[in-house]
C-alpha atoms as a PDB file:
ATOM      1  CA  UNK A   1      19.345 -30.984 -34.242  1.00  0.00           C
ATOM      2  CA  UNK A   2      22.550 -31.182 -32.117  1.00  0.00           C
ATOM      3  CA  UNK A   3      23.195 -34.914 -31.799  1.00  0.00           C
ATOM      4  CA  UNK A   4      26.432 -36.467 -30.607  1.00  0.00           C
ATOM      5  CA  UNK A   5      27.364 -40.109 -30.553  1.00  0.00           C
ATOM      6  CA  UNK A   6      26.747 -40.414 -26.832  1.00  0.00           C
ATOM      7  CA  UNK A   7      23.121 -39.314 -27.124  1.00  0.00           C
ATOM      8  CA  UNK A   8      23.376 -36.774 -24.345  1.00  0.00           C
ATOM      9  CA  UNK A   9      21.005 -34.535 -26.216  1.00  0.00           C
ATOM     10  CA  UNK A  10      17.902 -35.601 -24.453  1.00  0.00           C
ATOM     11  CA  UNK A  11      15.367 -36.673 -27.002  1.00  0.00           C
ATOM     12  CA  UNK A  12      12.391 -36.486 -24.705  1.00  0.00           C
ATOM     13  CA  UNK A  13       9.336 -37.387 -26.652  1.00  0.00           C
ATOM     14  CA  UNK A  14       7.037 -34.923 -24.991  1.00  0.00           C
ATOM     15  CA  UNK A  15       3.646 -34.755 -26.629  1.00  0.00           C
ATOM     16  CA  UNK A  16       1.422 -31.856 -27.542  1.00  0.00           C
ATOM     17  CA  UNK A  17      -0.698 -32.708 -24.580  1.00  0.00           C
ATOM     18  CA  UNK A  18      -4.437 -32.231 -24.423  1.00  0.00           C
ATOM     19  CA  UNK A  19      -4.403 -32.819 -20.677  1.00  0.00           C
ATOM     20  CA  UNK A  20      -1.971 -30.065 -19.741  1.00  0.00           C
ATOM     21  CA  UNK A  21      -2.882 -26.926 -17.908  1.00  0.00           C
ATOM     22  CA  UNK A  22      -2.999 -23.902 -20.178  1.00  0.00           C
ATOM     23  CA  UNK A  23      -2.372 -20.213 -19.860  1.00  0.00           C
ATOM     24  CA  UNK A  24      -5.046 -17.923 -21.240  1.00  0.00           C
ATOM     25  CA  UNK A  25      -4.154 -16.058 -24.421  1.00  0.00           C
ATOM     26  CA  UNK A  26      -6.005 -13.042 -25.693  1.00  0.00           C
ATOM     27  CA  UNK A  27      -6.533 -14.527 -29.146  1.00  0.00           C
ATOM     28  CA  UNK A  28      -6.665 -17.862 -30.927  1.00  0.00           C
ATOM     29  CA  UNK A  29      -3.257 -18.873 -32.239  1.00  0.00           C
ATOM     30  CA  UNK A  30      -3.182 -20.317 -35.746  1.00  0.00           C
ATOM     31  CA  UNK A  31      -0.396 -22.429 -37.168  1.00  0.00           C
ATOM     32  CA  UNK A  32       0.811 -19.657 -39.475  1.00  0.00           C
ATOM     33  CA  UNK A  33       2.098 -17.660 -36.513  1.00  0.00           C
ATOM     34  CA  UNK A  34       4.300 -20.511 -35.258  1.00  0.00           C
ATOM     35  CA  UNK A  35       7.375 -19.791 -37.371  1.00  0.00           C
ATOM     36  CA  UNK A  36      10.054 -22.469 -37.476  1.00  0.00           C
ATOM     37  CA  UNK A  37      13.799 -22.108 -37.038  1.00  0.00           C
ATOM     38  CA  UNK A  38      16.010 -20.327 -34.550  1.00  0.00           C
ATOM     39  CA  UNK A  39      14.028 -18.203 -32.112  1.00  0.00           C
ATOM     40  CA  UNK A  40      16.715 -16.703 -29.893  1.00  0.00           C
ATOM     41  CA  UNK A  41      20.025 -17.209 -28.143  1.00  0.00           C
ATOM     42  CA  UNK A  42      20.536 -15.751 -24.678  1.00  0.00           C
ATOM     43  CA  UNK A  43      23.482 -15.277 -22.371  1.00  0.00           C
ATOM     44  CA  UNK A  44      22.574 -16.630 -18.934  1.00  0.00           C
ATOM     45  CA  UNK A  45      23.826 -15.044 -15.742  1.00  0.00           C
ATOM     46  CA  UNK A  46      22.110 -16.665 -12.794  1.00  0.00           C
ATOM     47  CA  UNK A  47      18.415 -15.867 -13.099  1.00  0.00           C
ATOM     48  CA  UNK A  48      19.024 -13.160 -15.700  1.00  0.00           C
ATOM     49  CA  UNK A  49      19.128 -13.598 -19.471  1.00  0.00           C
ATOM     50  CA  UNK A  50      20.506 -11.175 -22.043  1.00  0.00           C
ATOM     51  CA  UNK A  51      19.659 -11.502 -25.720  1.00  0.00           C
ATOM     52  CA  UNK A  52      22.613 -12.420 -27.936  1.00  0.00           C
ATOM     53  CA  UNK A  53      20.743 -13.173 -31.147  1.00  0.00           C
ATOM     54  CA  UNK A  54      17.153 -13.043 -32.339  1.00  0.00           C
ATOM     55  CA  UNK A  55      16.353 -15.689 -34.933  1.00  0.00           C
ATOM     56  CA  UNK A  56      14.016 -15.818 -37.885  1.00  0.00           C
ATOM     57  CA  UNK A  57      11.291 -17.467 -35.774  1.00  0.00           C
ATOM     58  CA  UNK A  58      11.307 -14.789 -33.053  1.00  0.00           C
ATOM     59  CA  UNK A  59       8.304 -13.033 -34.556  1.00  0.00           C
ATOM     60  CA  UNK A  60       4.709 -14.203 -34.268  1.00  0.00           C
ATOM     61  CA  UNK A  61       3.778 -16.770 -31.662  1.00  0.00           C
ATOM     62  CA  UNK A  62       7.273 -17.249 -30.230  1.00  0.00           C
ATOM     63  CA  UNK A  63       7.722 -13.605 -29.344  1.00  0.00           C
ATOM     64  CA  UNK A  64       9.820 -12.234 -26.506  1.00  0.00           C
ATOM     65  CA  UNK A  65       6.892 -12.416 -24.102  1.00  0.00           C
ATOM     66  CA  UNK A  66       6.608 -16.175 -24.522  1.00  0.00           C
ATOM     67  CA  UNK A  67      10.382 -16.604 -24.412  1.00  0.00           C
ATOM     68  CA  UNK A  68      10.376 -14.826 -21.055  1.00  0.00           C
ATOM     69  CA  UNK A  69       7.404 -16.909 -19.923  1.00  0.00           C
ATOM     70  CA  UNK A  70       9.410 -20.098 -20.426  1.00  0.00           C
ATOM     71  CA  UNK A  71      12.491 -18.695 -18.702  1.00  0.00           C
ATOM     72  CA  UNK A  72      10.406 -17.551 -15.731  1.00  0.00           C
ATOM     73  CA  UNK A  73       8.849 -21.008 -15.533  1.00  0.00           C
ATOM     74  CA  UNK A  74      12.280 -22.671 -15.480  1.00  0.00           C
ATOM     75  CA  UNK A  75      13.760 -20.323 -12.894  1.00  0.00           C
ATOM     76  CA  UNK A  76      10.689 -20.581 -10.667  1.00  0.00           C
ATOM     77  CA  UNK A  77      10.814 -24.374 -10.834  1.00  0.00           C
ATOM     78  CA  UNK A  78      14.526 -25.202 -10.591  1.00  0.00           C
ATOM     79  CA  UNK A  79      16.612 -23.465  -7.926  1.00  0.00           C
ATOM     80  CA  UNK A  80      19.588 -21.425  -9.080  1.00  0.00           C
ATOM     81  CA  UNK A  81      21.955 -23.728  -7.180  1.00  0.00           C
ATOM     82  CA  UNK A  82      21.178 -26.453  -9.739  1.00  0.00           C
ATOM     83  CA  UNK A  83      21.600 -24.144 -12.749  1.00  0.00           C
ATOM     84  CA  UNK A  84      24.895 -22.374 -12.105  1.00  0.00           C
ATOM     85  CA  UNK A  85      26.684 -24.143 -14.967  1.00  0.00           C
ATOM     86  CA  UNK A  86      24.146 -22.961 -17.578  1.00  0.00           C
ATOM     87  CA  UNK A  87      25.653 -19.909 -19.298  1.00  0.00           C
ATOM     88  CA  UNK A  88      23.761 -19.910 -22.604  1.00  0.00           C
ATOM     89  CA  UNK A  89      20.191 -20.720 -23.626  1.00  0.00           C
ATOM     90  CA  UNK A  90      19.059 -21.478 -27.173  1.00  0.00           C
ATOM     91  CA  UNK A  91      15.433 -21.455 -28.275  1.00  0.00           C
ATOM     92  CA  UNK A  92      14.241 -22.874 -31.570  1.00  0.00           C
ATOM     93  CA  UNK A  93      11.015 -24.177 -33.086  1.00  0.00           C
ATOM     94  CA  UNK A  94      10.818 -27.302 -35.212  1.00  0.00           C
ATOM     95  CA  UNK A  95       7.633 -29.323 -35.505  1.00  0.00           C
ATOM     96  CA  UNK A  96       9.488 -32.126 -37.274  1.00  0.00           C
ATOM     97  CA  UNK A  97      12.187 -32.469 -34.617  1.00  0.00           C
ATOM     98  CA  UNK A  98      11.203 -34.659 -31.673  1.00  0.00           C
ATOM     99  CA  UNK A  99      14.076 -33.304 -29.598  1.00  0.00           C
ATOM    100  CA  UNK A 100      12.310 -31.440 -26.825  1.00  0.00           C
ATOM    101  CA  UNK A 101      15.467 -30.042 -25.249  1.00  0.00           C
ATOM    102  CA  UNK A 102      19.210 -30.584 -25.042  1.00  0.00           C
ATOM    103  CA  UNK A 103      22.364 -29.610 -23.202  1.00  0.00           C
ATOM    104  CA  UNK A 104      25.938 -29.381 -24.450  1.00  0.00           C
ATOM    105  CA  UNK A 105      29.189 -28.156 -22.919  1.00  0.00           C
ATOM    106  CA  UNK A 106      30.187 -24.790 -24.355  1.00  0.00           C
ATOM    107  CA  UNK A 107      33.695 -26.173 -24.865  1.00  0.00           C
ATOM    108  CA  UNK A 108      34.538 -29.874 -25.121  1.00  0.00           C
ATOM    109  CA  UNK A 109      37.604 -29.186 -23.004  1.00  0.00           C
ATOM    110  CA  UNK A 110      35.745 -27.307 -20.262  1.00  0.00           C
ATOM    111  CA  UNK A 111      32.780 -28.935 -18.545  1.00  0.00           C
ATOM    112  CA  UNK A 112      32.137 -26.014 -16.202  1.00  0.00           C
ATOM    113  CA  UNK A 113      29.925 -24.082 -18.647  1.00  0.00           C
ATOM    114  CA  UNK A 114      26.928 -25.471 -20.529  1.00  0.00           C
ATOM    115  CA  UNK A 115      24.418 -24.536 -23.199  1.00  0.00           C
ATOM    116  CA  UNK A 116      20.779 -25.517 -22.706  1.00  0.00           C
ATOM    117  CA  UNK A 117      18.213 -25.487 -25.509  1.00  0.00           C
ATOM    118  CA  UNK A 118      14.444 -25.891 -25.809  1.00  0.00           C
ATOM    119  CA  UNK A 119      12.241 -26.702 -28.790  1.00  0.00           C
ATOM    120  CA  UNK A 120       9.356 -24.274 -28.338  1.00  0.00           C
ATOM    121  CA  UNK A 121       7.148 -26.231 -30.707  1.00  0.00           C
ATOM    122  CA  UNK A 122       6.832 -28.762 -27.880  1.00  0.00           C
ATOM    123  CA  UNK A 123       6.532 -26.253 -25.032  1.00  0.00           C
ATOM    124  CA  UNK A 124       3.201 -24.945 -26.370  1.00  0.00           C
ATOM    125  CA  UNK A 125       0.414 -27.118 -27.773  1.00  0.00           C
ATOM    126  CA  UNK A 126      -1.519 -26.186 -30.879  1.00  0.00           C
ATOM    127  CA  UNK A 127      -4.272 -24.543 -28.889  1.00  0.00           C
ATOM    128  CA  UNK A 128      -1.666 -22.089 -27.650  1.00  0.00           C
ATOM    129  CA  UNK A 129      -1.473 -23.624 -24.168  1.00  0.00           C
ATOM    130  CA  UNK A 130       1.770 -23.860 -22.239  1.00  0.00           C
ATOM    131  CA  UNK A 131       2.472 -27.553 -21.533  1.00  0.00           C
ATOM    132  CA  UNK A 132       3.431 -27.399 -17.885  1.00  0.00           C
ATOM    133  CA  UNK A 133       4.053 -31.012 -16.893  1.00  0.00           C
ATOM    134  CA  UNK A 134       6.117 -32.085 -19.886  1.00  0.00           C
ATOM    135  CA  UNK A 135       8.138 -28.883 -19.923  1.00  0.00           C
ATOM    136  CA  UNK A 136       8.970 -29.359 -16.252  1.00  0.00           C
ATOM    137  CA  UNK A 137      10.002 -32.976 -16.817  1.00  0.00           C
ATOM    138  CA  UNK A 138      12.128 -32.025 -19.825  1.00  0.00           C
ATOM    139  CA  UNK A 139      13.884 -29.188 -18.029  1.00  0.00           C
ATOM    140  CA  UNK A 140      14.603 -31.271 -14.930  1.00  0.00           C
ATOM    141  CA  UNK A 141      15.970 -34.056 -17.140  1.00  0.00           C
ATOM    142  CA  UNK A 142      18.345 -31.638 -18.855  1.00  0.00           C
ATOM    143  CA  UNK A 143      19.552 -30.189 -15.566  1.00  0.00           C
ATOM    144  CA  UNK A 144      20.259 -33.767 -14.468  1.00  0.00           C
ATOM    145  CA  UNK A 145      22.702 -34.129 -17.371  1.00  0.00           C
ATOM    146  CA  UNK A 146      24.553 -31.003 -16.302  1.00  0.00           C
ATOM    147  CA  UNK A 147      24.593 -32.006 -12.630  1.00  0.00           C
ATOM    148  CA  UNK A 148      26.005 -35.437 -13.480  1.00  0.00           C
ATOM    149  CA  UNK A 149      28.472 -34.372 -16.201  1.00  0.00           C
ATOM    150  CA  UNK A 150      29.924 -31.014 -15.189  1.00  0.00           C
ATOM    151  CA  UNK A 151      33.508 -30.473 -14.101  1.00  0.00           C
ATOM    152  CA  UNK A 152      32.782 -31.420 -10.489  1.00  0.00           C
ATOM    153  CA  UNK A 153      31.810 -34.908 -11.687  1.00  0.00           C
ATOM    154  CA  UNK A 154      33.827 -35.603 -14.826  1.00  0.00           C
ATOM    155  CA  UNK A 155      37.426 -34.904 -15.834  1.00  0.00           C
ATOM    156  CA  UNK A 156      37.627 -33.695 -19.428  1.00  0.00           C
ATOM    157  CA  UNK A 157      39.404 -35.726 -22.070  1.00  0.00           C
ATOM    158  CA  UNK A 158      40.743 -39.241 -22.033  1.00  0.00           C
ATOM    159  CA  UNK A 159      39.067 -42.264 -23.528  1.00  0.00           C
ATOM    160  CA  UNK A 160      37.123 -45.310 -22.469  1.00  0.00           C
ATOM    161  CA  UNK A 161      40.308 -47.385 -22.588  1.00  0.00           C
ATOM    162  CA  UNK A 162      42.254 -45.046 -20.288  1.00  0.00           C
ATOM    163  CA  UNK A 163      39.436 -44.336 -17.826  1.00  0.00           C
ATOM    164  CA  UNK A 164      39.202 -46.589 -14.776  1.00  0.00           C
ATOM    165  CA  UNK A 165      35.631 -45.414 -14.100  1.00  0.00           C
ATOM    166  CA  UNK A 166      32.610 -44.989 -16.335  1.00  0.00           C
ATOM    167  CA  UNK A 167      33.385 -42.985 -19.466  1.00  0.00           C
ATOM    168  CA  UNK A 168      30.233 -41.083 -20.523  1.00  0.00           C
ATOM    169  CA  UNK A 169      31.839 -39.448 -23.556  1.00  0.00           C
ATOM    170  CA  UNK A 170      32.671 -36.009 -22.226  1.00  0.00           C
ATOM    171  CA  UNK A 171      35.536 -37.387 -20.156  1.00  0.00           C
ATOM    172  CA  UNK A 172      36.365 -39.779 -17.358  1.00  0.00           C
ATOM    173  CA  UNK A 173      33.912 -39.744 -14.496  1.00  0.00           C
ATOM    174  CA  UNK A 174      35.358 -39.304 -11.031  1.00  0.00           C
ATOM    175  CA  UNK A 175      35.189 -42.286  -8.693  1.00  0.00           C
ATOM    176  CA  UNK A 176      32.655 -40.726  -6.338  1.00  0.00           C
ATOM    177  CA  UNK A 177      30.661 -38.976  -9.057  1.00  0.00           C
ATOM    178  CA  UNK A 178      26.933 -39.553  -9.304  1.00  0.00           C
ATOM    179  CA  UNK A 179      27.156 -41.148 -12.712  1.00  0.00           C
ATOM    180  CA  UNK A 180      30.022 -43.488 -11.866  1.00  0.00           C
ATOM    181  CA  UNK A 181      28.318 -44.683  -8.684  1.00  0.00           C
ATOM    182  CA  UNK A 182      25.082 -45.135 -10.643  1.00  0.00           C
ATOM    183  CA  UNK A 183      26.880 -47.057 -13.375  1.00  0.00           C
ATOM    184  CA  UNK A 184      28.771 -49.300 -10.957  1.00  0.00           C
ATOM    185  CA  UNK A 185      25.567 -50.079  -9.073  1.00  0.00           C
ATOM    186  CA  UNK A 186      23.181 -50.694 -11.952  1.00  0.00           C
ATOM    187  CA  UNK A 187      24.935 -51.117 -15.306  1.00  0.00           C
ATOM    188  CA  UNK A 188      28.044 -53.287 -15.065  1.00  0.00           C
ATOM    189  CA  UNK A 189      26.231 -56.501 -15.986  1.00  0.00           C
ATOM    190  CA  UNK A 190      24.292 -55.116 -18.969  1.00  0.00           C
ATOM    191  CA  UNK A 191      26.515 -52.353 -20.385  1.00  0.00           C
ATOM    192  CA  UNK A 192      28.463 -54.508 -22.848  1.00  0.00           C
ATOM    193  CA  UNK A 193      25.192 -55.807 -24.265  1.00  0.00           C
ATOM    194  CA  UNK A 194      23.791 -52.282 -24.648  1.00  0.00           C
ATOM    195  CA  UNK A 195      26.949 -51.175 -26.448  1.00  0.00           C
ATOM    196  CA  UNK A 196      26.166 -53.611 -29.253  1.00  0.00           C
ATOM    197  CA  UNK A 197      23.051 -51.589 -30.152  1.00  0.00           C
ATOM    198  CA  UNK A 198      23.471 -48.726 -32.611  1.00  0.00           C
ATOM    199  CA  UNK A 199      22.171 -45.435 -31.227  1.00  0.00           C
ATOM    200  CA  UNK A 200      19.780 -45.123 -34.182  1.00  0.00           C
ATOM    201  CA  UNK A 201      18.472 -48.678 -33.830  1.00  0.00           C
ATOM    202  CA  UNK A 202      15.301 -47.772 -31.968  1.00  0.00           C
ATOM    203  CA  UNK A 203      13.899 -51.285 -32.345  1.00  0.00           C
ATOM    204  CA  UNK A 204      17.096 -52.590 -30.773  1.00  0.00           C
ATOM    205  CA  UNK A 205      16.756 -50.158 -27.861  1.00  0.00           C
ATOM    206  CA  UNK A 206      13.133 -51.233 -27.430  1.00  0.00           C
ATOM    207  CA  UNK A 207      14.149 -54.899 -27.399  1.00  0.00           C
ATOM    208  CA  UNK A 208      16.815 -54.135 -24.791  1.00  0.00           C
ATOM    209  CA  UNK A 209      14.222 -52.282 -22.706  1.00  0.00           C
ATOM    210  CA  UNK A 210      11.722 -55.135 -23.025  1.00  0.00           C
ATOM    211  CA  UNK A 211      14.362 -57.604 -21.854  1.00  0.00           C
ATOM    212  CA  UNK A 212      15.183 -55.506 -18.781  1.00  0.00           C
ATOM    213  CA  UNK A 213      11.943 -53.539 -18.337  1.00  0.00           C
ATOM    214  CA  UNK A 214      12.007 -53.888 -14.554  1.00  0.00           C
ATOM    215  CA  UNK A 215      15.304 -51.996 -14.527  1.00  0.00           C
ATOM    216  CA  UNK A 216      14.189 -48.746 -16.212  1.00  0.00           C
ATOM    217  CA  UNK A 217      11.615 -46.105 -15.292  1.00  0.00           C
ATOM    218  CA  UNK A 218      10.977 -45.438 -19.010  1.00  0.00           C
ATOM    219  CA  UNK A 219      11.941 -47.053 -22.297  1.00  0.00           C
ATOM    220  CA  UNK A 220      14.074 -44.004 -23.114  1.00  0.00           C
ATOM    221  CA  UNK A 221      16.144 -44.681 -19.991  1.00  0.00           C
ATOM    222  CA  UNK A 222      17.363 -47.873 -21.678  1.00  0.00           C
ATOM    223  CA  UNK A 223      19.236 -45.795 -24.281  1.00  0.00           C
ATOM    224  CA  UNK A 224      22.430 -45.490 -22.201  1.00  0.00           C
ATOM    225  CA  UNK A 225      23.548 -44.836 -18.601  1.00  0.00           C
ATOM    226  CA  UNK A 226      23.488 -41.051 -19.137  1.00  0.00           C
ATOM    227  CA  UNK A 227      19.839 -41.062 -20.153  1.00  0.00           C
ATOM    228  CA  UNK A 228      19.007 -43.616 -17.473  1.00  0.00           C
ATOM    229  CA  UNK A 229      20.375 -41.511 -14.651  1.00  0.00           C
ATOM    230  CA  UNK A 230      18.612 -38.406 -15.994  1.00  0.00           C
ATOM    231  CA  UNK A 231      15.268 -40.219 -16.261  1.00  0.00           C
ATOM    232  CA  UNK A 232      15.649 -41.640 -12.752  1.00  0.00           C
ATOM    233  CA  UNK A 233      16.527 -38.151 -11.509  1.00  0.00           C
ATOM    234  CA  UNK A 234      13.371 -36.705 -13.092  1.00  0.00           C
ATOM    235  CA  UNK A 235      11.251 -39.369 -11.424  1.00  0.00           C
ATOM    236  CA  UNK A 236      12.917 -38.714  -8.086  1.00  0.00           C
ATOM    237  CA  UNK A 237      12.159 -35.025  -8.385  1.00  0.00           C
ATOM    238  CA  UNK A 238       8.586 -35.304  -9.672  1.00  0.00           C
ATOM    239  CA  UNK A 239       7.048 -38.465  -8.207  1.00  0.00           C
ATOM    240  CA  UNK A 240       4.791 -37.799  -5.239  1.00  0.00           C
ATOM    241  CA  UNK A 241       6.096 -40.796  -3.341  1.00  0.00           C
ATOM    242  CA  UNK A 242       9.514 -42.409  -3.506  1.00  0.00           C
ATOM    243  CA  UNK A 243       9.010 -46.042  -4.587  1.00  0.00           C
ATOM    244  CA  UNK A 244       9.749 -48.677  -1.977  1.00  0.00           C
ATOM    245  CA  UNK A 245       9.778 -51.785  -4.186  1.00  0.00           C
ATOM    246  CA  UNK A 246      12.694 -54.106  -4.854  1.00  0.00           C
ATOM    247  CA  UNK A 247      12.702 -53.647  -8.637  1.00  0.00           C
ATOM    248  CA  UNK A 248      15.893 -52.102  -9.977  1.00  0.00           C
ATOM    249  CA  UNK A 249      13.914 -49.230 -11.501  1.00  0.00           C
ATOM    250  CA  UNK A 250      12.710 -48.375  -7.974  1.00  0.00           C
ATOM    251  CA  UNK A 251      16.235 -48.656  -6.610  1.00  0.00           C
ATOM    252  CA  UNK A 252      17.418 -46.205  -9.274  1.00  0.00           C
ATOM    253  CA  UNK A 253      14.923 -43.612  -8.096  1.00  0.00           C
ATOM    254  CA  UNK A 254      15.939 -44.212  -4.478  1.00  0.00           C
ATOM    255  CA  UNK A 255      19.608 -43.886  -5.481  1.00  0.00           C
ATOM    256  CA  UNK A 256      19.268 -40.132  -5.076  1.00  0.00           C
ATOM    257  CA  UNK A 257      18.150 -40.431  -1.462  1.00  0.00           C
ATOM    258  CA  UNK A 258      21.737 -41.202  -0.505  1.00  0.00           C
ATOM    259  CA  UNK A 259      22.707 -37.620  -1.363  1.00  0.00           C
ATOM    260  CA  UNK A 260      21.423 -35.004   1.105  1.00  0.00           C
ATOM    261  CA  UNK A 261      21.900 -32.234  -1.454  1.00  0.00           C
ATOM    262  CA  UNK A 262      19.548 -34.037  -3.840  1.00  0.00           C
ATOM    263  CA  UNK A 263      16.971 -34.667  -1.129  1.00  0.00           C
ATOM    264  CA  UNK A 264      17.066 -30.923  -0.443  1.00  0.00           C
ATOM    265  CA  UNK A 265      16.771 -30.123  -4.160  1.00  0.00           C
ATOM    266  CA  UNK A 266      13.755 -32.414  -4.426  1.00  0.00           C
ATOM    267  CA  UNK A 267      12.068 -30.605  -1.552  1.00  0.00           C
ATOM    268  CA  UNK A 268      12.700 -27.256  -3.206  1.00  0.00           C
ATOM    269  CA  UNK A 269      11.495 -28.310  -6.660  1.00  0.00           C
ATOM    270  CA  UNK A 270       8.357 -29.956  -5.332  1.00  0.00           C
ATOM    271  CA  UNK A 271       7.583 -26.859  -3.286  1.00  0.00           C
ATOM    272  CA  UNK A 272       7.833 -24.848  -6.504  1.00  0.00           C
ATOM    273  CA  UNK A 273       5.371 -27.011  -8.452  1.00  0.00           C
ATOM    274  CA  UNK A 274       2.113 -25.066  -8.636  1.00  0.00           C
ATOM    275  CA  UNK A 275       0.585 -26.935 -11.585  1.00  0.00           C
ATOM    276  CA  UNK A 276      -0.996 -30.345 -12.008  1.00  0.00           C
ATOM    277  CA  UNK A 277       0.623 -33.174 -13.936  1.00  0.00           C
ATOM    278  CA  UNK A 278       0.471 -36.940 -14.310  1.00  0.00           C
ATOM    279  CA  UNK A 279       3.716 -38.815 -14.931  1.00  0.00           C
ATOM    280  CA  UNK A 280       1.886 -41.774 -16.447  1.00  0.00           C
ATOM    281  CA  UNK A 281       0.135 -39.530 -18.946  1.00  0.00           C
ATOM    282  CA  UNK A 282       3.338 -37.658 -19.735  1.00  0.00           C
ATOM    283  CA  UNK A 283       5.186 -40.838 -20.533  1.00  0.00           C
ATOM    284  CA  UNK A 284       2.290 -42.371 -22.454  1.00  0.00           C
ATOM    285  CA  UNK A 285       2.509 -39.463 -24.871  1.00  0.00           C
ATOM    286  CA  UNK A 286       6.300 -39.686 -24.932  1.00  0.00           C
ATOM    287  CA  UNK A 287       5.971 -43.345 -25.893  1.00  0.00           C
ATOM    288  CA  UNK A 288       3.693 -42.348 -28.780  1.00  0.00           C
ATOM    289  CA  UNK A 289       6.306 -39.917 -30.032  1.00  0.00           C
ATOM    290  CA  UNK A 290       9.008 -42.578 -29.674  1.00  0.00           C
ATOM    291  CA  UNK A 291       6.945 -44.949 -31.825  1.00  0.00           C
ATOM    292  CA  UNK A 292       6.322 -42.201 -34.369  1.00  0.00           C
ATOM    293  CA  UNK A 293      10.066 -41.608 -34.568  1.00  0.00           C
ATOM    294  CA  UNK A 294      10.643 -45.312 -35.175  1.00  0.00           C
ATOM    295  CA  UNK A 295       8.269 -45.158 -38.141  1.00  0.00           C
ATOM    296  CA  UNK A 296      10.177 -42.184 -39.507  1.00  0.00           C
ATOM    297  CA  UNK A 297      13.469 -44.077 -39.295  1.00  0.00           C
ATOM    298  CA  UNK A 298      11.920 -47.136 -40.930  1.00  0.00           C
ATOM    299  CA  UNK A 299      10.503 -45.096 -43.826  1.00  0.00           C
ATOM    300  CA  UNK A 300      13.757 -43.274 -44.575  1.00  0.00           C
END
């Protein structure tokens, strides 16, 4: 659903996990109640949401109670200070879409306000259990895009040829921005090579990852610098211990330690985590979904 050529719609291949913690429902949920399509669109004002539109999939399993459950989970996990640019929230359900969540600027010419979306078919497994770990990882990843691409970090407009810093697509990154500093530190020697790979060439992305596997925390991080910084951000926020190794993938996680505001955000998010998760298990299932998507591309 909502792709752009810069792949900033985070296709996080979050599985329908059998190892996630689950909330207790008062009845067994069958597939017929999981309607597909638009669920709802909300206006976001801080921690409050106001319904703008109810979609065709708002009845049945994805009712307002579960919509509010997800919003409460997000607001309890991620401090408001990291979400101030989110002004709209879209919920949809699509079992055939491996996009777990996405973010987009509300206006291409104004990076101060953003839309965030979640695919609810991935937020709940088919036993009706809320998938805590993956949903947390997904949401943190999306917030990372907003933090690194909003108007405090990127100047709207321009082009790659007129920008002296890294050009992520939305505009020209500022010299001291997170994403420009990340790019200048970790991507200058491999970026031209990555640009030769079509965004839909998943085998090509895998080959690029295999060639530089010690540089990325996940294979999805090898997609482009925007996804790389968001994946590294998610690891920084969710890993129990900050890695101390010399590998570039470890350095990318430690990159965030140079920013006191991000160290503080990590402390807050980790204090808010009251569920169990395993990053290795999360990303093993994500890898399975990535491989399934490759098969889909190959068969079409």
